[in-house]
Amino acid sequence: MEEISAEKIEKLEELKLEKLIERLDNKKIEELAELIDQLPSINEMVKTLLQLKESGVLDTLVELSYLIKAFRDMLNDEAVANLATTISSAIDSLKLLQVLARSLSS
């Protein structure tokens, strides 16, 4: 098997870099500049996330968010059920009013 020379590796890296540069337009360059400006904050957030992960707090927060979503979904389902009950009661009341109106007009 032929070993790849350092020169060939360098040439391949240059081609990859050229292809990457060709894909950049002004908007992407501006976004990259903004990202570079935010690197200190991003690094700090990553460190904090790693601490949360290592301590188990991140897993607890994720589980709590699922629990909150489940409660929210239950409340929404309950609200829909209550609305359906209210509409059903209103329809029953209208039917009763129609029956009363007929019996009074007779």
N, C-alpha and C. Protein backbone atom coordinates (compact mmCIF):
# COMPACT_ATOMS: atom_id res chain seq x y z
N MET A 1 0.84 -1.18 0.00
CA MET A 1 0.00 0.00 0.00
C MET A 1 0.89 1.24 0.00
N GLU A 2 0.55 2.18 -0.87
CA GLU A 2 1.36 3.38 -1.04
C GLU A 2 1.00 4.40 0.04
N GLU A 3 2.01 4.96 0.66
CA GLU A 3 1.77 5.97 1.68
C GLU A 3 1.52 7.31 0.99
N ILE A 4 0.65 8.07 1.61
CA ILE A 4 0.36 9.39 1.07
C ILE A 4 1.42 10.35 1.59
N SER A 5 2.02 11.05 0.68
CA SER A 5 3.08 11.98 1.06
C SER A 5 2.49 13.23 1.71
N ALA A 6 3.33 13.91 2.44
CA ALA A 6 2.92 15.14 3.10
C ALA A 6 2.48 16.17 2.07
N GLU A 7 3.13 16.15 0.91
CA GLU A 7 2.78 17.09 -0.16
C GLU A 7 1.37 16.83 -0.68
N LYS A 8 1.02 15.54 -0.85
CA LYS A 8 -0.32 15.20 -1.32
C LYS A 8 -1.38 15.58 -0.28
N ILE A 9 -1.07 15.34 0.98
CA ILE A 9 -2.01 15.71 2.04
C ILE A 9 -2.23 17.22 2.05
N GLU A 10 -1.16 17.98 1.89
CA GLU A 10 -1.26 19.44 1.86
C GLU A 10 -2.10 19.89 0.67
N LYS A 11 -1.90 19.25 -0.48
CA LYS A 11 -2.66 19.60 -1.69
C LYS A 11 -4.15 19.31 -1.47
N LEU A 12 -4.47 18.16 -0.86
CA LEU A 12 -5.86 17.82 -0.58
C LEU A 12 -6.49 18.84 0.38
N GLU A 13 -5.77 19.24 1.39
CA GLU A 13 -6.26 20.22 2.34
C GLU A 13 -6.51 21.57 1.67
N GLU A 14 -5.63 21.95 0.76
CA GLU A 14 -5.81 23.20 0.02
C GLU A 14 -7.07 23.12 -0.85
N LEU A 15 -7.31 21.98 -1.50
CA LEU A 15 -8.51 21.82 -2.32
C LEU A 15 -9.77 21.90 -1.47
N LYS A 16 -9.74 21.27 -0.30
CA LYS A 16 -10.89 21.34 0.60
C LYS A 16 -11.14 22.77 1.03
N LEU A 17 -10.08 23.48 1.35
CA LEU A 17 -10.21 24.87 1.77
C LEU A 17 -10.75 25.74 0.63
N GLU A 18 -10.27 25.52 -0.58
CA GLU A 18 -10.75 26.28 -1.74
C GLU A 18 -12.24 26.03 -1.96
N LYS A 19 -12.68 24.76 -1.85
CA LYS A 19 -14.10 24.45 -2.01
C LYS A 19 -14.94 25.12 -0.93
N LEU A 20 -14.42 25.14 0.28
CA LEU A 20 -15.12 25.80 1.37
C LEU A 20 -15.23 27.30 1.12
N ILE A 21 -14.16 27.91 0.69
CA ILE A 21 -14.16 29.36 0.42
C ILE A 21 -15.13 29.70 -0.72
N GLU A 22 -15.22 28.84 -1.73
CA GLU A 22 -16.15 29.08 -2.84
C GLU A 22 -17.59 29.13 -2.36
N ARG A 23 -17.90 28.41 -1.30
CA ARG A 23 -19.27 28.37 -0.79
C ARG A 23 -19.64 29.61 0.02
N LEU A 24 -18.67 30.42 0.38
CA LEU A 24 -18.93 31.59 1.20
C LEU A 24 -19.43 32.76 0.37
N ASP A 25 -20.52 33.34 0.82
CA ASP A 25 -20.97 34.59 0.23
C ASP A 25 -20.90 35.66 1.33
N ASN A 26 -21.26 36.88 0.99
CA ASN A 26 -21.12 37.97 1.97
C ASN A 26 -21.92 37.72 3.24
N LYS A 27 -23.14 37.19 3.08
CA LYS A 27 -23.98 36.95 4.24
C LYS A 27 -23.33 35.92 5.17
N LYS A 28 -22.80 34.84 4.61
CA LYS A 28 -22.16 33.81 5.42
C LYS A 28 -20.90 34.35 6.09
N ILE A 29 -20.18 35.20 5.39
CA ILE A 29 -18.98 35.80 5.97
C ILE A 29 -19.36 36.68 7.16
N GLU A 30 -20.44 37.47 7.01
CA GLU A 30 -20.91 38.31 8.12
C GLU A 30 -21.36 37.45 9.30
N GLU A 31 -22.05 36.34 9.01
CA GLU A 31 -22.51 35.46 10.07
C GLU A 31 -21.32 34.81 10.79
N LEU A 32 -20.30 34.44 10.03
CA LEU A 32 -19.09 33.88 10.64
C LEU A 32 -18.41 34.91 11.53
N ALA A 33 -18.37 36.15 11.08
CA ALA A 33 -17.77 37.21 11.88
C ALA A 33 -18.54 37.40 13.19
N GLU A 34 -19.88 37.37 13.11
CA GLU A 34 -20.70 37.48 14.32
C GLU A 34 -20.45 36.30 15.25
N LEU A 35 -20.33 35.12 14.67
CA LEU A 35 -20.07 33.92 15.47
C LEU A 35 -18.72 34.03 16.18
N ILE A 36 -17.72 34.49 15.47
CA ILE A 36 -16.39 34.67 16.07
C ILE A 36 -16.46 35.68 17.21
N ASP A 37 -17.24 36.76 17.02
CA ASP A 37 -17.38 37.75 18.08
C ASP A 37 -18.04 37.16 19.33
N GLN A 38 -18.90 36.17 19.13
CA GLN A 38 -19.64 35.57 20.24
C GLN A 38 -18.93 34.37 20.88
N LEU A 39 -17.74 34.00 20.37
CA LEU A 39 -17.04 32.82 20.88
C LEU A 39 -16.82 32.83 22.39
N PRO A 40 -16.44 33.94 23.01
CA PRO A 40 -16.28 33.90 24.47
C PRO A 40 -17.57 33.50 25.19
N SER A 41 -18.68 34.06 24.75
CA SER A 41 -19.97 33.71 25.37
C SER A 41 -20.33 32.26 25.10
N ILE A 42 -20.08 31.80 23.88
CA ILE A 42 -20.38 30.42 23.52
C ILE A 42 -19.53 29.46 24.36
N ASN A 43 -18.26 29.78 24.53
CA ASN A 43 -17.38 28.94 25.35
C ASN A 43 -17.89 28.88 26.79
N GLU A 44 -18.31 30.02 27.32
CA GLU A 44 -18.83 30.06 28.69
C GLU A 44 -20.11 29.22 28.82
N MET A 45 -20.99 29.31 27.82
CA MET A 45 -22.22 28.51 27.84
C MET A 45 -21.91 27.02 27.78
N VAL A 46 -20.96 26.64 26.95
CA VAL A 46 -20.59 25.23 26.84
C VAL A 46 -20.02 24.73 28.17
N LYS A 47 -19.18 25.53 28.81
CA LYS A 47 -18.63 25.14 30.12
C LYS A 47 -19.76 24.94 31.13
N THR A 48 -20.72 25.86 31.13
CA THR A 48 -21.84 25.76 32.06
C THR A 48 -22.67 24.52 31.76
N LEU A 49 -22.94 24.26 30.49
CA LEU A 49 -23.70 23.06 30.12
C LEU A 49 -22.97 21.79 30.54
N LEU A 50 -21.66 21.77 30.38
CA LEU A 50 -20.88 20.60 30.80
C LEU A 50 -20.97 20.40 32.31
N GLN A 51 -20.92 21.50 33.06
CA GLN A 51 -21.06 21.40 34.52
C GLN A 51 -22.44 20.87 34.89
N LEU A 52 -23.47 21.38 34.22
CA LEU A 52 -24.82 20.92 34.48
C LEU A 52 -24.97 19.43 34.14
N LYS A 53 -24.36 19.02 33.05
CA LYS A 53 -24.41 17.62 32.63
C LYS A 53 -23.70 16.73 33.64
N GLU A 54 -22.50 17.14 34.04
CA GLU A 54 -21.71 16.34 34.98
C GLU A 54 -22.38 16.21 36.34
N SER A 55 -23.10 17.22 36.76
CA SER A 55 -23.75 17.19 38.07
C SER A 55 -25.12 16.52 38.03
N GLY A 56 -25.63 16.25 36.83
CA GLY A 56 -26.95 15.62 36.70
C GLY A 56 -28.09 16.61 36.62
N VAL A 57 -27.78 17.89 36.79
CA VAL A 57 -28.83 18.92 36.77
C VAL A 57 -29.46 19.03 35.38
N LEU A 58 -28.64 18.90 34.34
CA LEU A 58 -29.16 19.02 32.98
C LEU A 58 -30.21 17.94 32.71
N ASP A 59 -29.93 16.71 33.11
CA ASP A 59 -30.90 15.62 32.92
C ASP A 59 -32.19 15.90 33.68
N THR A 60 -32.06 16.43 34.89
CA THR A 60 -33.24 16.76 35.70
C THR A 60 -34.05 17.85 35.02
N LEU A 61 -33.37 18.87 34.49
CA LEU A 61 -34.09 19.95 33.79
C LEU A 61 -34.83 19.43 32.56
N VAL A 62 -34.19 18.53 31.83
CA VAL A 62 -34.84 17.96 30.64
C VAL A 62 -36.08 17.17 31.06
N GLU A 63 -35.95 16.35 32.10
CA GLU A 63 -37.09 15.57 32.58
C GLU A 63 -38.21 16.47 33.08
N LEU A 64 -37.85 17.55 33.79
CA LEU A 64 -38.87 18.50 34.25
C LEU A 64 -39.58 19.18 33.09
N SER A 65 -38.83 19.48 32.03
CA SER A 65 -39.47 20.12 30.87
C SER A 65 -40.47 19.18 30.22
N TYR A 66 -40.15 17.88 30.18
CA TYR A 66 -41.12 16.90 29.64
C TYR A 66 -42.35 16.82 30.53
N LEU A 67 -42.15 16.88 31.85
CA LEU A 67 -43.26 16.83 32.78
C LEU A 67 -44.16 18.05 32.62
N ILE A 68 -43.55 19.22 32.49
CA ILE A 68 -44.32 20.45 32.29
C ILE A 68 -45.11 20.39 30.99
N LYS A 69 -44.48 19.88 29.94
CA LYS A 69 -45.19 19.74 28.66
C LYS A 69 -46.38 18.79 28.79
N ALA A 70 -46.18 17.69 29.52
CA ALA A 70 -47.28 16.74 29.72
C ALA A 70 -48.43 17.40 30.47
N PHE A 71 -48.11 18.18 31.53
CA PHE A 71 -49.16 18.91 32.25
C PHE A 71 -49.86 19.91 31.36
N ARG A 72 -49.09 20.61 30.55
CA ARG A 72 -49.68 21.59 29.64
C ARG A 72 -50.61 20.91 28.64
N ASP A 73 -50.16 19.77 28.11
CA ASP A 73 -51.00 19.03 27.16
C ASP A 73 -52.28 18.54 27.84
N MET A 74 -52.17 18.09 29.10
CA MET A 74 -53.35 17.64 29.83
C MET A 74 -54.32 18.80 30.04
N LEU A 75 -53.77 19.96 30.39
CA LEU A 75 -54.65 21.12 30.59
C LEU A 75 -55.34 21.50 29.28
N ASN A 76 -54.62 21.42 28.19
CA ASN A 76 -55.23 21.73 26.90
C ASN A 76 -56.33 20.71 26.58
N ASP A 77 -56.05 19.43 26.82
CA ASP A 77 -57.06 18.40 26.57
C ASP A 77 -58.26 18.60 27.47
N GLU A 78 -58.01 18.96 28.73
CA GLU A 78 -59.08 19.20 29.68
C GLU A 78 -59.91 20.42 29.25
N ALA A 79 -59.22 21.45 28.78
CA ALA A 79 -59.93 22.65 28.32
C ALA A 79 -60.82 22.32 27.13
N VAL A 80 -60.32 21.50 26.21
CA VAL A 80 -61.12 21.09 25.05
C VAL A 80 -62.32 20.27 25.51
N ALA A 81 -62.10 19.36 26.46
CA ALA A 81 -63.21 18.55 26.98
C ALA A 81 -64.25 19.43 27.65
N ASN A 82 -63.80 20.42 28.43
CA ASN A 82 -64.73 21.35 29.08
C ASN A 82 -65.52 22.15 28.05
N LEU A 83 -64.85 22.58 27.00
CA LEU A 83 -65.53 23.34 25.95
C LEU A 83 -66.58 22.46 25.27
N ALA A 84 -66.22 21.21 25.01
CA ALA A 84 -67.18 20.29 24.38
C ALA A 84 -68.38 20.08 25.29
N THR A 85 -68.16 19.94 26.57
CA THR A 85 -69.26 19.77 27.54
C THR A 85 -70.14 21.00 27.56
N THR A 86 -69.53 22.17 27.54
CA THR A 86 -70.28 23.42 27.55
C THR A 86 -71.14 23.55 26.29
N ILE A 87 -70.58 23.24 25.15
CA ILE A 87 -71.32 23.31 23.89
C ILE A 87 -72.47 22.30 23.89
N SER A 88 -72.19 21.11 24.40
CA SER A 88 -73.24 20.08 24.47
C SER A 88 -74.38 20.54 25.38
N SER A 89 -74.02 21.14 26.51
CA SER A 89 -75.05 21.66 27.42
C SER A 89 -75.86 22.78 26.76
N ALA A 90 -75.18 23.64 26.03
CA ALA A 90 -75.88 24.74 25.34
C ALA A 90 -76.85 24.19 24.31
N ILE A 91 -76.44 23.16 23.58
CA ILE A 91 -77.32 22.55 22.57
C ILE A 91 -78.54 21.92 23.25
N ASP A 92 -78.29 21.22 24.38
CA ASP A 92 -79.40 20.62 25.13
C ASP A 92 -80.37 21.69 25.61
N SER A 93 -79.81 22.83 26.07
CA SER A 93 -80.64 23.93 26.55
C SER A 93 -81.47 24.51 25.41
N LEU A 94 -80.88 24.64 24.22
CA LEU A 94 -81.64 25.14 23.06
C LEU A 94 -82.77 24.19 22.68
N LYS A 95 -82.50 22.89 22.75
CA LYS A 95 -83.55 21.90 22.45
C LYS A 95 -84.69 22.03 23.46
N LEU A 96 -84.33 22.19 24.73
CA LEU A 96 -85.34 22.34 25.77
C LEU A 96 -86.15 23.61 25.56
N LEU A 97 -85.47 24.70 25.17
CA LEU A 97 -86.19 25.95 24.89
C LEU A 97 -87.15 25.79 23.72
N GLN A 98 -86.75 25.04 22.70
CA GLN A 98 -87.61 24.80 21.54
C GLN A 98 -88.85 24.02 21.96
N VAL A 99 -88.66 23.01 22.81
CA VAL A 99 -89.79 22.20 23.30
C VAL A 99 -90.72 23.08 24.12
N LEU A 100 -90.17 23.91 24.99
CA LEU A 100 -90.99 24.81 25.80
C LEU A 100 -91.74 25.81 24.93
N ALA A 101 -91.05 26.34 23.92
CA ALA A 101 -91.68 27.32 23.03
C ALA A 101 -92.85 26.67 22.29
N ARG A 102 -92.69 25.43 21.86
CA ARG A 102 -93.77 24.73 21.14
C ARG A 102 -94.96 24.47 22.08
N SER A 103 -94.67 24.05 23.30
CA SER A 103 -95.75 23.75 24.21
C SER A 103 -96.47 25.02 24.64
N LEU A 104 -95.78 26.14 24.72
CA LEU A 104 -96.44 27.39 25.09
C LEU A 104 -97.24 27.95 23.92
N SER A 105 -96.80 27.71 22.69
CA SER A 105 -97.52 28.25 21.53
C SER A 105 -98.73 27.38 21.18
N SER A 106 -98.83 26.19 21.71
CA SER A 106 -99.97 25.32 21.40
C SER A 106 -101.18 25.65 22.21
